[in-house]
C-alpha atoms as a PDB file:
ATOM      1  CA  MET A   1       7.774 -27.187  11.835  1.00  0.00           C
ATOM      2  CA  LEU A   2      10.156 -29.101  14.105  1.00  0.00           C
ATOM      3  CA  THR A   3      13.795 -28.422  13.163  1.00  0.00           C
ATOM      4  CA  LEU A   4      16.529 -30.649  14.570  1.00  0.00           C
ATOM      5  CA  ASN A   5      20.307 -30.540  14.378  1.00  0.00           C
ATOM      6  CA  PRO A   6      21.666 -34.122  14.569  1.00  0.00           C
ATOM      7  CA  LYS A   7      24.830 -32.855  16.256  1.00  0.00           C
ATOM      8  CA  GLU A   8      22.722 -31.605  19.172  1.00  0.00           C
ATOM      9  CA  LEU A   9      20.903 -34.901  19.771  1.00  0.00           C
ATOM     10  CA  ASP A  10      21.825 -38.388  20.896  1.00  0.00           C
ATOM     11  CA  SER A  11      22.343 -40.449  17.728  1.00  0.00           C
ATOM     12  CA  ARG A  12      19.652 -42.974  18.718  1.00  0.00           C
ATOM     13  CA  VAL A  13      17.127 -40.172  19.197  1.00  0.00           C
ATOM     14  CA  PHE A  14      17.812 -38.708  15.766  1.00  0.00           C
ATOM     15  CA  TYR A  15      17.747 -42.243  14.343  1.00  0.00           C
ATOM     16  CA  SER A  16      14.080 -42.521  15.376  1.00  0.00           C
ATOM     17  CA  TYR A  17      13.252 -39.422  13.327  1.00  0.00           C
ATOM     18  CA  LEU A  18      15.197 -40.735  10.329  1.00  0.00           C
ATOM     19  CA  THR A  19      13.558 -44.165  10.298  1.00  0.00           C
ATOM     20  CA  GLY A  20      10.135 -42.676  10.955  1.00  0.00           C
ATOM     21  CA  THR A  21      10.318 -40.478   7.875  1.00  0.00           C
ATOM     22  CA  ILE A  22      12.694 -42.141   5.396  1.00  0.00           C
ATOM     23  CA  ALA A  23      10.221 -44.923   4.837  1.00  0.00           C
ATOM     24  CA  PRO A  24       9.079 -47.386   3.746  1.00  0.00           C
ATOM     25  CA  ARG A  25      12.414 -49.134   3.371  1.00  0.00           C
ATOM     26  CA  PRO A  26      12.777 -52.519   1.624  1.00  0.00           C
ATOM     27  CA  ILE A  27      14.418 -55.265   3.653  1.00  0.00           C
ATOM     28  CA  ALA A  28      17.588 -57.136   2.718  1.00  0.00           C
ATOM     29  CA  PHE A  29      17.295 -60.563   4.318  1.00  0.00           C
ATOM     30  CA  ALA A  30      20.983 -61.392   4.110  1.00  0.00           C
ATOM     31  CA  SER A  31      22.405 -64.899   4.385  1.00  0.00           C
ATOM     32  CA  THR A  32      26.163 -65.171   4.968  1.00  0.00           C
ATOM     33  CA  VAL A  33      28.703 -67.718   6.184  1.00  0.00           C
ATOM     34  CA  ASP A  34      31.897 -67.492   8.191  1.00  0.00           C
ATOM     35  CA  LYS A  35      35.181 -69.189   7.242  1.00  0.00           C
ATOM     36  CA  LEU A  36      34.085 -72.347   9.074  1.00  0.00           C
ATOM     37  CA  GLY A  37      30.840 -72.536   7.106  1.00  0.00           C
ATOM     38  CA  ASN A  38      28.513 -71.428   9.910  1.00  0.00           C
ATOM     39  CA  VAL A  39      25.406 -69.816   8.395  1.00  0.00           C
ATOM     40  CA  ASN A  40      23.854 -66.516   9.509  1.00  0.00           C
ATOM     41  CA  LEU A  41      20.556 -64.982   8.382  1.00  0.00           C
ATOM     42  CA  SER A  42      19.711 -61.382   9.328  1.00  0.00           C
ATOM     43  CA  PRO A  43      17.353 -58.629   8.074  1.00  0.00           C
ATOM     44  CA  PHE A  44      18.486 -55.069   7.346  1.00  0.00           C
ATOM     45  CA  SER A  45      16.237 -52.195   6.298  1.00  0.00           C
ATOM     46  CA  PHE A  46      19.081 -49.855   5.340  1.00  0.00           C
ATOM     47  CA  PHE A  47      19.001 -51.344   1.852  1.00  0.00           C
ATOM     48  CA  ASN A  48      18.330 -50.586  -1.804  1.00  0.00           C
ATOM     49  CA  ILE A  49      19.370 -51.024  -5.433  1.00  0.00           C
ATOM     50  CA  MET A  50      22.072 -48.544  -6.429  1.00  0.00           C
ATOM     51  CA  GLY A  51      23.209 -49.575  -9.892  1.00  0.00           C
ATOM     52  CA  ILE A  52      22.090 -51.145 -13.147  1.00  0.00           C
ATOM     53  CA  ASN A  53      25.224 -52.038 -15.117  1.00  0.00           C
ATOM     54  CA  PRO A  54      26.604 -53.814 -13.216  1.00  0.00           C
ATOM     55  CA  PRO A  55      23.586 -54.490 -10.966  1.00  0.00           C
ATOM     56  CA  ILE A  56      24.542 -53.160  -7.523  1.00  0.00           C
ATOM     57  CA  LEU A  57      22.746 -53.709  -4.222  1.00  0.00           C
ATOM     58  CA  VAL A  58      23.805 -51.860  -1.078  1.00  0.00           C
ATOM     59  CA  PHE A  59      22.873 -52.561   2.530  1.00  0.00           C
ATOM     60  CA  SER A  60      24.211 -51.446   5.869  1.00  0.00           C
ATOM     61  CA  PRO A  61      24.471 -53.494   9.072  1.00  0.00           C
ATOM     62  CA  ASN A  62      25.198 -50.848  11.693  1.00  0.00           C
ATOM     63  CA  ASN A  63      27.258 -51.775  14.731  1.00  0.00           C
ATOM     64  CA  ARG A  64      25.375 -52.834  17.830  1.00  0.00           C
ATOM     65  CA  GLY A  65      23.995 -49.924  19.816  1.00  0.00           C
ATOM     66  CA  ARG A  66      24.777 -51.390  23.218  1.00  0.00           C
ATOM     67  CA  ASP A  67      28.538 -51.869  22.813  1.00  0.00           C
ATOM     68  CA  GLY A  68      29.502 -50.718  19.297  1.00  0.00           C
ATOM     69  CA  SER A  69      30.569 -54.220  18.231  1.00  0.00           C
ATOM     70  CA  LYS A  70      30.171 -55.483  14.680  1.00  0.00           C
ATOM     71  CA  LYS A  71      27.227 -57.734  13.883  1.00  0.00           C
ATOM     72  CA  ASP A  72      27.738 -61.315  12.749  1.00  0.00           C
ATOM     73  CA  THR A  73      26.836 -60.429   9.160  1.00  0.00           C
ATOM     74  CA  ILE A  74      29.782 -58.047   8.841  1.00  0.00           C
ATOM     75  CA  LEU A  75      32.167 -60.413  10.616  1.00  0.00           C
ATOM     76  CA  ASN A  76      31.131 -63.141   8.172  1.00  0.00           C
ATOM     77  CA  LEU A  77      31.514 -60.902   5.121  1.00  0.00           C
ATOM     78  CA  GLU A  78      35.019 -59.938   6.217  1.00  0.00           C
ATOM     79  CA  GLU A  79      35.863 -63.659   6.133  1.00  0.00           C
ATOM     80  CA  VAL A  80      33.755 -64.758   3.139  1.00  0.00           C
ATOM     81  CA  PRO A  81      32.800 -61.779   0.921  1.00  0.00           C
ATOM     82  CA  GLU A  82      29.650 -63.349  -0.508  1.00  0.00           C
ATOM     83  CA  VAL A  83      25.985 -62.858   0.376  1.00  0.00           C
ATOM     84  CA  VAL A  84      22.519 -63.842  -0.745  1.00  0.00           C
ATOM     85  CA  ILE A  85      20.000 -61.047  -0.397  1.00  0.00           C
ATOM     86  CA  ASN A  86      16.527 -62.534  -0.069  1.00  0.00           C
ATOM     87  CA  MET A  87      13.431 -60.366  -0.386  1.00  0.00           C
ATOM     88  CA  VAL A  88      10.734 -60.508   2.288  1.00  0.00           C
ATOM     89  CA  ASP A  89       7.002 -60.772   1.671  1.00  0.00           C
ATOM     90  CA  TYR A  90       4.069 -60.755   4.082  1.00  0.00           C
ATOM     91  CA  ALA A  91       3.894 -64.544   4.368  1.00  0.00           C
ATOM     92  CA  MET A  92       7.262 -64.604   6.154  1.00  0.00           C
ATOM     93  CA  VAL A  93       7.362 -61.303   8.058  1.00  0.00           C
ATOM     94  CA  GLN A  94       6.931 -62.819  11.539  1.00  0.00           C
ATOM     95  CA  GLN A  95       9.629 -65.428  10.928  1.00  0.00           C
ATOM     96  CA  MET A  96      11.874 -62.680   9.588  1.00  0.00           C
ATOM     97  CA  SER A  97      11.331 -60.704  12.781  1.00  0.00           C
ATOM     98  CA  LEU A  98      12.189 -63.761  14.880  1.00  0.00           C
ATOM     99  CA  SER A  99      15.486 -64.158  13.023  1.00  0.00           C
ATOM    100  CA  SER A 100      16.554 -60.639  14.046  1.00  0.00           C
ATOM    101  CA  VAL A 101      17.066 -61.737  17.670  1.00  0.00           C
ATOM    102  CA  GLU A 102      20.683 -61.417  18.826  1.00  0.00           C
ATOM    103  CA  PHE A 103      21.435 -65.134  19.007  1.00  0.00           C
ATOM    104  CA  PRO A 104      25.018 -66.180  19.947  1.00  0.00           C
ATOM    105  CA  ARG A 105      27.560 -66.049  17.119  1.00  0.00           C
ATOM    106  CA  GLY A 106      27.507 -69.246  15.095  1.00  0.00           C
ATOM    107  CA  THR A 107      23.747 -69.771  15.527  1.00  0.00           C
ATOM    108  CA  ASN A 108      21.917 -70.686  12.332  1.00  0.00           C
ATOM    109  CA  GLU A 109      18.878 -68.383  12.143  1.00  0.00           C
ATOM    110  CA  PHE A 110      17.396 -70.523   9.369  1.00  0.00           C
ATOM    111  CA  ASN A 111      16.770 -73.120  12.066  1.00  0.00           C
ATOM    112  CA  LYS A 112      15.738 -70.673  14.776  1.00  0.00           C
ATOM    113  CA  ALA A 113      13.129 -68.988  12.540  1.00  0.00           C
ATOM    114  CA  GLY A 114      11.919 -72.157  10.796  1.00  0.00           C
ATOM    115  CA  PHE A 115      13.230 -71.358   7.322  1.00  0.00           C
ATOM    116  CA  ARG A 116      14.629 -73.767   4.720  1.00  0.00           C
ATOM    117  CA  GLU A 117      18.042 -73.461   3.103  1.00  0.00           C
ATOM    118  CA  GLU A 118      18.470 -73.848  -0.640  1.00  0.00           C
ATOM    119  CA  LYS A 119      21.895 -74.304  -2.195  1.00  0.00           C
ATOM    120  CA  SER A 120      23.172 -71.328  -4.156  1.00  0.00           C
ATOM    121  CA  VAL A 121      24.744 -71.691  -7.595  1.00  0.00           C
ATOM    122  CA  PHE A 122      27.680 -69.278  -7.549  1.00  0.00           C
ATOM    123  CA  VAL A 123      28.143 -68.300  -3.884  1.00  0.00           C
ATOM    124  CA  THR A 124      28.664 -70.196  -0.643  1.00  0.00           C
ATOM    125  CA  PRO A 125      25.829 -68.815   1.535  1.00  0.00           C
ATOM    126  CA  PRO A 126      22.516 -70.617   1.039  1.00  0.00           C
ATOM    127  CA  ARG A 127      19.410 -69.023  -0.407  1.00  0.00           C
ATOM    128  CA  LEU A 128      16.175 -68.692   1.539  1.00  0.00           C
ATOM    129  CA  LYS A 129      13.774 -71.165  -0.072  1.00  0.00           C
ATOM    130  CA  GLU A 130      10.690 -69.265   1.155  1.00  0.00           C
ATOM    131  CA  SER A 131      11.777 -66.006  -0.483  1.00  0.00           C
ATOM    132  CA  LYS A 132      10.217 -65.233  -3.860  1.00  0.00           C
ATOM    133  CA  ALA A 133      13.250 -63.207  -5.015  1.00  0.00           C
ATOM    134  CA  GLN A 134      16.850 -64.144  -4.204  1.00  0.00           C
ATOM    135  CA  PHE A 135      20.041 -62.405  -5.317  1.00  0.00           C
ATOM    136  CA  GLU A 136      23.389 -64.161  -5.194  1.00  0.00           C
ATOM    137  CA  CYS A 137      26.007 -61.452  -4.723  1.00  0.00           C
ATOM    138  CA  LYS A 138      29.720 -60.978  -4.423  1.00  0.00           C
ATOM    139  CA  VAL A 139      30.827 -58.203  -2.086  1.00  0.00           C
ATOM    140  CA  LEU A 140      32.804 -55.517  -3.900  1.00  0.00           C
ATOM    141  CA  GLU A 141      33.614 -53.348  -0.905  1.00  0.00           C
ATOM    142  CA  ILE A 142      32.711 -52.676   2.715  1.00  0.00           C
ATOM    143  CA  LYS A 143      33.042 -49.010   3.646  1.00  0.00           C
ATOM    144  CA  GLN A 144      32.972 -47.944   7.285  1.00  0.00           C
ATOM    145  CA  PHE A 145      31.676 -44.549   8.401  1.00  0.00           C
ATOM    146  CA  GLY A 146      31.344 -44.179  12.155  1.00  0.00           C
ATOM    147  CA  THR A 147      29.022 -46.964  13.312  1.00  0.00           C
ATOM    148  CA  MET A 148      27.918 -47.813   9.777  1.00  0.00           C
ATOM    149  CA  ASN A 149      29.236 -50.644   7.602  1.00  0.00           C
ATOM    150  CA  LEU A 150      28.159 -50.023   4.009  1.00  0.00           C
ATOM    151  CA  VAL A 151      28.190 -53.278   2.030  1.00  0.00           C
ATOM    152  CA  ILE A 152      28.401 -52.795  -1.745  1.00  0.00           C
ATOM    153  CA  CYS A 153      27.403 -55.940  -3.636  1.00  0.00           C
ATOM    154  CA  GLU A 154      27.233 -57.004  -7.273  1.00  0.00           C
ATOM    155  CA  VAL A 155      24.418 -59.346  -8.251  1.00  0.00           C
ATOM    156  CA  ILE A 156      25.868 -62.304 -10.139  1.00  0.00           C
ATOM    157  CA  LEU A 157      22.739 -64.460 -10.275  1.00  0.00           C
ATOM    158  CA  ALA A 158      19.065 -63.851  -9.489  1.00  0.00           C
ATOM    159  CA  HIS A 159      16.183 -66.235  -8.803  1.00  0.00           C
ATOM    160  CA  PHE A 160      12.477 -65.343  -9.021  1.00  0.00           C
ATOM    161  CA  SER A 161       9.528 -67.500  -8.033  1.00  0.00           C
ATOM    162  CA  SER A 162       7.066 -68.323 -10.808  1.00  0.00           C
ATOM    163  CA  GLU A 163       4.391 -67.080  -8.401  1.00  0.00           C
ATOM    164  CA  ILE A 164       5.347 -63.456  -9.087  1.00  0.00           C
ATOM    165  CA  ILE A 165       6.033 -63.734 -12.823  1.00  0.00           C
ATOM    166  CA  GLY A 166       3.387 -62.396 -15.207  1.00  0.00           C
ATOM    167  CA  GLU A 167       2.436 -63.583 -18.680  1.00  0.00           C
ATOM    168  CA  ASN A 168       5.016 -61.215 -20.200  1.00  0.00           C
ATOM    169  CA  GLY A 169       7.819 -62.942 -18.293  1.00  0.00           C
ATOM    170  CA  LYS A 170       8.378 -59.943 -16.017  1.00  0.00           C
ATOM    171  CA  ILE A 171       7.580 -59.311 -12.364  1.00  0.00           C
ATOM    172  CA  ASP A 172       3.824 -58.778 -11.960  1.00  0.00           C
ATOM    173  CA  GLN A 173       3.570 -56.203  -9.172  1.00  0.00           C
ATOM    174  CA  GLN A 174       0.001 -57.289  -8.435  1.00  0.00           C
ATOM    175  CA  LYS A 175       1.251 -60.772  -7.602  1.00  0.00           C
ATOM    176  CA  THR A 176       3.834 -59.575  -5.103  1.00  0.00           C
ATOM    177  CA  ASP A 177       3.198 -58.948  -1.423  1.00  0.00           C
ATOM    178  CA  TRP A 178       6.430 -57.290  -0.307  1.00  0.00           C
ATOM    179  CA  ILE A 179       6.771 -55.759   3.133  1.00  0.00           C
ATOM    180  CA  ALA A 180       8.908 -52.773   4.095  1.00  0.00           C
ATOM    181  CA  ARG A 181      10.079 -51.233   7.332  1.00  0.00           C
ATOM    182  CA  MET A 182       8.702 -48.038   8.811  1.00  0.00           C
ATOM    183  CA  GLY A 183       9.739 -46.430  12.109  1.00  0.00           C
ATOM    184  CA  GLY A 184       9.741 -48.270  15.432  1.00  0.00           C
ATOM    185  CA  ASP A 185       7.843 -51.572  15.243  1.00  0.00           C
ATOM    186  CA  TRP A 186       5.843 -50.526  12.192  1.00  0.00           C
ATOM    187  CA  TYR A 187       5.876 -52.175   8.766  1.00  0.00           C
ATOM    188  CA  VAL A 188       3.935 -51.604   5.552  1.00  0.00           C
ATOM    189  CA  ARG A 189       2.523 -54.195   3.167  1.00  0.00           C
ATOM    190  CA  ALA A 190       2.728 -53.508  -0.584  1.00  0.00           C
ATOM    191  CA  ASN A 191       0.050 -55.719  -2.104  1.00  0.00           C
ATOM    192  CA  GLU A 192      -2.447 -55.211  -4.931  1.00  0.00           C
ATOM    193  CA  ILE A 193      -4.812 -53.345  -2.596  1.00  0.00           C
ATOM    194  CA  SER A 194      -2.308 -50.629  -1.713  1.00  0.00           C
ATOM    195  CA  ILE A 195      -0.202 -50.255  -4.879  1.00  0.00           C
ATOM    196  CA  PHE A 196      -1.066 -47.850  -7.687  1.00  0.00           C
ATOM    197  CA  GLU A 197       0.403 -46.708 -10.993  1.00  0.00           C
ATOM    198  CA  VAL A 198       1.802 -43.294 -11.900  1.00  0.00           C
ATOM    199  CA  GLU A 199       2.619 -42.758 -15.569  1.00  0.00           C
ATOM    200  CA  LYS A 200       6.294 -41.935 -16.123  1.00  0.00           C
ATOM    201  CA  PRO A 201       6.824 -38.779 -18.242  1.00  0.00           C
ATOM    202  CA  ILE A 202       9.694 -40.348 -20.189  1.00  0.00           C
ATOM    203  CA  THR A 203       8.582 -40.471 -23.827  1.00  0.00           C
ATOM    204  CA  LYS A 204       6.796 -37.131 -23.825  1.00  0.00           C
ATOM    205  CA  ILE A 205       7.167 -33.621 -22.467  1.00  0.00           C
ATOM    206  CA  GLY A 206       4.116 -32.348 -20.642  1.00  0.00           C
ATOM    207  CA  ILE A 207       2.940 -28.739 -20.685  1.00  0.00           C
ATOM    208  CA  GLY A 208       4.098 -28.283 -17.079  1.00  0.00           C
ATOM    209  CA  TYR A 209       2.486 -26.871 -13.972  1.00  0.00           C
ATOM    210  CA  ASP A 210       3.357 -23.287 -14.884  1.00  0.00           C
ATOM    211  CA  THR A 211       1.369 -23.455 -18.142  1.00  0.00           C
ATOM    212  CA  ILE A 212      -1.881 -24.420 -16.434  1.00  0.00           C
ATOM    213  CA  PRO A 213      -4.310 -21.440 -16.464  1.00  0.00           C
ATOM    214  CA  ALA A 214      -4.316 -19.548 -13.170  1.00  0.00           C
ATOM    215  CA  ASN A 215      -7.999 -20.179 -12.407  1.00  0.00           C
ATOM    216  CA  ILE A 216      -7.267 -23.930 -12.549  1.00  0.00           C
ATOM    217  CA  ARG A 217      -3.835 -23.773 -10.900  1.00  0.00           C
ATOM    218  CA  LEU A 218      -5.233 -21.832  -7.928  1.00  0.00           C
ATOM    219  CA  SER A 219      -8.287 -24.077  -7.535  1.00  0.00           C
ATOM    220  CA  LYS A 220      -9.442 -24.859  -4.004  1.00  0.00           C
ATOM    221  CA  ILE A 221     -10.847 -28.176  -5.226  1.00  0.00           C
ATOM    222  CA  LEU A 222      -8.029 -29.602  -7.322  1.00  0.00           C
ATOM    223  CA  THR A 223      -5.055 -30.967  -5.359  1.00  0.00           C
ATOM    224  CA  GLY A 224      -1.346 -30.876  -6.116  1.00  0.00           C
ATOM    225  CA  ASN A 225      -1.614 -34.440  -7.446  1.00  0.00           C
ATOM    226  CA  HIS A 226      -4.419 -33.360  -9.782  1.00  0.00           C
ATOM    227  CA  LEU A 227      -2.346 -30.443 -11.067  1.00  0.00           C
ATOM    228  CA  GLY A 228       0.617 -32.759 -11.595  1.00  0.00           C
ATOM    229  CA  GLN A 229      -1.575 -34.973 -13.791  1.00  0.00           C
ATOM    230  CA  LEU A 230      -2.799 -31.978 -15.756  1.00  0.00           C
ATOM    231  CA  GLY A 231       0.735 -30.676 -16.244  1.00  0.00           C
ATOM    232  CA  ASN A 232       1.843 -34.058 -17.587  1.00  0.00           C
ATOM    233  CA  MET A 233      -0.509 -33.702 -20.576  1.00  0.00           C
ATOM    234  CA  GLU A 234       1.535 -33.323 -23.751  1.00  0.00           C
ATOM    235  CA  ASN A 235      -1.017 -31.358 -25.763  1.00  0.00           C
ATOM    236  CA  LEU A 236      -4.251 -29.681 -24.686  1.00  0.00           C
ATOM    237  CA  PRO A 237      -7.517 -30.639 -26.417  1.00  0.00           C
ATOM    238  CA  THR A 238      -8.359 -28.674 -29.544  1.00  0.00           C
ATOM    239  CA  GLN A 239     -11.165 -26.132 -29.639  1.00  0.00           C
ATOM    240  CA  THR A 240     -13.146 -28.551 -31.792  1.00  0.00           C
ATOM    241  CA  GLU A 241     -12.820 -31.274 -29.152  1.00  0.00           C
ATOM    242  CA  ILE A 242     -13.819 -28.847 -26.391  1.00  0.00           C
ATOM    243  CA  GLU A 243     -16.947 -27.753 -28.255  1.00  0.00           C
ATOM    244  CA  ALA A 244     -17.877 -31.350 -29.073  1.00  0.00           C
ATOM    245  CA  TYR A 245     -17.542 -32.332 -25.408  1.00  0.00           C
ATOM    246  CA  ARG A 246     -20.074 -29.653 -24.519  1.00  0.00           C
ATOM    247  CA  ALA A 247     -22.770 -31.892 -26.064  1.00  0.00           C
ATOM    248  CA  THR A 248     -22.067 -34.782 -23.673  1.00  0.00           C
ATOM    249  CA  GLU A 249     -24.533 -35.730 -20.963  1.00  0.00           C
ATOM    250  CA  THR A 250     -21.985 -34.757 -18.316  1.00  0.00           C
ATOM    251  CA  MET A 251     -21.751 -31.179 -19.551  1.00  0.00           C
ATOM    252  CA  LYS A 252     -25.498 -30.908 -20.122  1.00  0.00           C
ATOM    253  CA  ASN A 253     -26.080 -31.764 -16.457  1.00  0.00           C
ATOM    254  CA  ILE A 254     -23.463 -29.238 -15.282  1.00  0.00           C
ATOM    255  CA  ILE A 255     -24.872 -26.439 -17.473  1.00  0.00           C
ATOM    256  CA  GLU A 256     -28.401 -27.214 -16.293  1.00  0.00           C
ATOM    257  CA  GLN A 257     -27.312 -26.839 -12.649  1.00  0.00           C
ATOM    258  CA  VAL A 258     -25.720 -23.484 -13.469  1.00  0.00           C
ATOM    259  CA  MET A 259     -28.761 -22.210 -15.326  1.00  0.00           C
ATOM    260  CA  PHE A 260     -30.975 -22.998 -12.339  1.00  0.00           C
ATOM    261  CA  CYS A 261     -28.450 -21.231 -10.039  1.00  0.00           C
ATOM    262  CA  CYS A 262     -27.701 -24.407  -8.119  1.00  0.00           C
ATOM    263  CA  ALA A 263     -23.944 -23.830  -8.147  1.00  0.00           C
ATOM    264  CA  PHE A 264     -21.077 -21.863  -9.663  1.00  0.00           C
ATOM    265  CA  LEU A 265     -19.853 -23.252 -12.996  1.00  0.00           C
ATOM    266  CA  GLU A 266     -16.183 -23.226 -11.986  1.00  0.00           C
ATOM    267  CA  ASN A 267     -16.825 -25.250  -8.825  1.00  0.00           C
ATOM    268  CA  LEU A 268     -18.831 -27.825 -10.778  1.00  0.00           C
ATOM    269  CA  LEU A 269     -16.194 -28.062 -13.485  1.00  0.00           C
ATOM    270  CA  HIS A 270     -13.385 -28.479 -10.986  1.00  0.00           C
ATOM    271  CA  THR A 271     -15.304 -31.107  -8.999  1.00  0.00           C
ATOM    272  CA  GLU A 272     -16.054 -33.135 -12.126  1.00  0.00           C
ATOM    273  CA  ALA A 273     -12.437 -32.785 -13.294  1.00  0.00           C
ATOM    274  CA  ALA A 274     -11.201 -34.012  -9.899  1.00  0.00           C
ATOM    275  CA  ASN A 275     -13.403 -37.099 -10.199  1.00  0.00           C
ATOM    276  CA  LEU A 276     -12.041 -37.779 -13.684  1.00  0.00           C
ATOM    277  CA  LEU A 277      -8.437 -37.293 -12.570  1.00  0.00           C
ATOM    278  CA  ASN A 278      -8.970 -39.720  -9.705  1.00  0.00           C
ATOM    279  CA  LYS A 279      -9.729 -42.263 -12.441  1.00  0.00           C
ATOM    280  CA  ASN A 280      -6.679 -41.089 -14.431  1.00  0.00           C
ATOM    281  CA  GLU A 281      -8.867 -39.736 -17.235  1.00  0.00           C
ATOM    282  CA  VAL A 282      -6.664 -36.710 -17.820  1.00  0.00           C
ATOM    283  CA  LYS A 283      -7.809 -35.618 -21.262  1.00  0.00           C
ATOM    284  CA  GLU A 284     -11.456 -35.787 -20.224  1.00  0.00           C
ATOM    285  CA  ALA A 285     -10.596 -33.657 -17.186  1.00  0.00           C
ATOM    286  CA  TRP A 286      -9.049 -31.023 -19.445  1.00  0.00           C
ATOM    287  CA  LEU A 287     -12.137 -31.106 -21.689  1.00  0.00           C
ATOM    288  CA  VAL A 288     -14.245 -30.305 -18.640  1.00  0.00           C
ATOM    289  CA  LEU A 289     -11.949 -27.621 -17.259  1.00  0.00           C
ATOM    290  CA  LEU A 290     -11.708 -25.733 -20.554  1.00  0.00           C
ATOM    291  CA  GLN A 291     -15.452 -25.281 -20.873  1.00  0.00           C
ATOM    292  CA  LYS A 292     -16.716 -21.692 -20.830  1.00  0.00           C
ATOM    293  CA  HIS A 293     -19.765 -20.174 -19.185  1.00  0.00           C
ATOM    294  CA  PRO A 294     -22.914 -20.731 -21.297  1.00  0.00           C
END
């Protein structure tokens, strides 16, 4: 394992390790204005939601690496403490990248990148019409630590495109196509092909990893993810359910292979359980794993 002390490295070198591993990072496409009304639009991947009540978004425009000067976004926020944070999806990623060029102060990146402005309701900076999620924010505080300018914002109004709203009136994750920043020039696309669900253990208490029988816990077939699924089960199947499952076609085939010495029972059980867990059929996986030798 490579071990690095940030105090022993150039900050830009350590930065490459940070951004290459603390990823993917959502992108705050921030629109601001200066006191004269000049508009700026810039993307920042040091960004996330940090509060619920009130709703808080935080992003950080670091000072320029070449001379340590503040970026236009921070200069604008010091004059007009309002911002619209627009979310970025795949359809606009190349235009977003174009807007990140260090144009002269006062340049409107909406024009340079081919975006359209849309008037905000409560704040002065315009919204990005192409963005499918826009947050009008007031800046609560800007905290400076070294080269970092941490912008703490409160969302005072939010806008969501009907294109990403599901039938239940909430955001349908399968209709989104957000992009996020990785290290270097790399990005990641979070669309319906790459996203997946993991059940939250909020309303129940699972049996836990440590309660899983040792022969299952130490399996060379089941992965850590599989064991996490098994440990999230609230109650194990009853003996009656286990015995009833033995009559299924699945178990008949496994027992037949064992009887003809084609394979070890435990390996077959663990392989079948892994297949079931990959389909999130946790109880069925337990029913397989708890079968005994015929």
